Protein backbone atom coordinates (compact mmCIF):
# COMPACT_ATOMS: atom_id res chain seq x y z
CA UNK A 1 -40.84 53.08 -20.13
CA UNK A 2 -43.61 50.56 -19.59
CA UNK A 3 -44.85 48.10 -22.22
CA UNK A 4 -48.59 47.73 -22.09
CA UNK A 5 -50.36 44.65 -23.49
CA UNK A 6 -53.20 45.17 -25.93
CA UNK A 7 -55.70 43.04 -24.05
CA UNK A 8 -54.42 43.36 -20.50
CA UNK A 9 -54.44 45.95 -17.79
CA UNK A 10 -50.77 45.57 -16.95
CA UNK A 11 -47.37 45.41 -18.61
CA UNK A 12 -46.74 42.93 -21.39
CA UNK A 13 -45.47 39.53 -20.29
CA UNK A 14 -42.24 38.15 -21.71
CA UNK A 15 -44.32 35.81 -23.88
CA UNK A 16 -46.28 38.76 -25.28
CA UNK A 17 -43.11 40.77 -25.93
CA UNK A 18 -41.46 37.88 -27.78
CA UNK A 19 -44.62 37.09 -29.73
CA UNK A 20 -45.09 40.72 -30.70
CA UNK A 21 -41.51 40.93 -31.99
CA UNK A 22 -41.91 37.71 -34.00
CA UNK A 23 -45.10 39.04 -35.55
CA UNK A 24 -43.42 42.37 -36.33
CA UNK A 25 -40.50 40.64 -38.07
CA UNK A 26 -42.82 38.29 -39.97
CA UNK A 27 -44.95 41.17 -41.26
CA UNK A 28 -41.83 43.19 -42.22
CA UNK A 29 -40.75 40.25 -44.37
CA UNK A 30 -44.16 39.94 -46.01
CA UNK A 31 -44.78 36.44 -44.64
CA UNK A 32 -48.05 34.90 -43.56
CA UNK A 33 -48.23 32.85 -40.37
CA UNK A 34 -48.54 29.72 -42.53
CA UNK A 35 -45.44 30.64 -44.53
CA UNK A 36 -43.40 31.21 -41.38
CA UNK A 37 -44.66 27.91 -39.98
CA UNK A 38 -43.57 26.05 -43.12
CA UNK A 39 -40.19 27.79 -43.23
CA UNK A 40 -39.46 27.08 -39.56
CA UNK A 41 -40.97 23.61 -39.30
CA UNK A 42 -43.22 24.77 -36.46
CA UNK A 43 -46.92 23.88 -36.45
CA UNK A 44 -49.05 26.73 -37.81
CA UNK A 45 -51.32 26.94 -34.76
CA UNK A 46 -48.27 27.12 -32.47
CA UNK A 47 -46.81 30.05 -34.43
CA UNK A 48 -50.12 31.83 -34.04
CA UNK A 49 -50.19 31.10 -30.29
CA UNK A 50 -46.59 32.27 -29.92
CA UNK A 51 -47.35 35.55 -31.67
CA UNK A 52 -50.33 36.08 -29.38
CA UNK A 53 -48.35 35.32 -26.21
CA UNK A 54 -50.41 32.21 -25.46
CA UNK A 55 -47.70 29.55 -25.84
CA UNK A 56 -44.81 28.75 -23.52
CA UNK A 57 -42.29 28.38 -26.32
CA UNK A 58 -39.00 26.50 -25.96
CA UNK A 59 -35.64 27.95 -26.91
CA UNK A 60 -35.37 25.29 -29.63
CA UNK A 61 -38.58 26.47 -31.30
CA UNK A 62 -37.55 30.12 -30.92
CA UNK A 63 -34.30 29.20 -32.64
CA UNK A 64 -36.15 27.64 -35.59
CA UNK A 65 -38.35 30.71 -35.96
CA UNK A 66 -35.36 33.05 -35.65
CA UNK A 67 -33.49 31.10 -38.34
CA UNK A 68 -36.52 31.27 -40.65
CA UNK A 69 -36.74 35.04 -40.10
CA UNK A 70 -32.98 35.50 -40.60
CA UNK A 71 -32.34 36.87 -37.10
CA UNK A 72 -30.33 35.78 -34.06
CA UNK A 73 -31.60 35.10 -30.57
CA UNK A 74 -29.89 37.46 -28.17
CA UNK A 75 -30.25 38.43 -24.55
CA UNK A 76 -30.12 42.10 -23.69
CA UNK A 77 -29.17 43.36 -20.29
CA UNK A 78 -31.79 45.55 -18.63
CA UNK A 79 -30.96 49.20 -18.14
CA UNK A 80 -30.80 50.39 -14.56
CA UNK A 81 -33.96 52.24 -13.58
C-alpha cells in the first residue's frame, strides 16, 4: 500500500506521515493547534509546520507533543513487501 501526499505527486514523506498523524490525534481530541501548542510547550507556528510536514522536528519536540496528546512514541518494523 502506498501513502500519497495531498499536495505531491509521490508518496508521503516521513515528515508528512508524522504530521498527518499528529493532526489526526489532535482533531480526535477536539484540540486546536494553539491548544496543543500550549499543552506541549511548542511554539504554535512550529506545531502547524509539523502537521503540514514542513518542519524537521526533533525527537524531543515529538516527545512533548506525544505527551500532550497522551500517546507514546514508538517505532514499528516495516512489513516485508
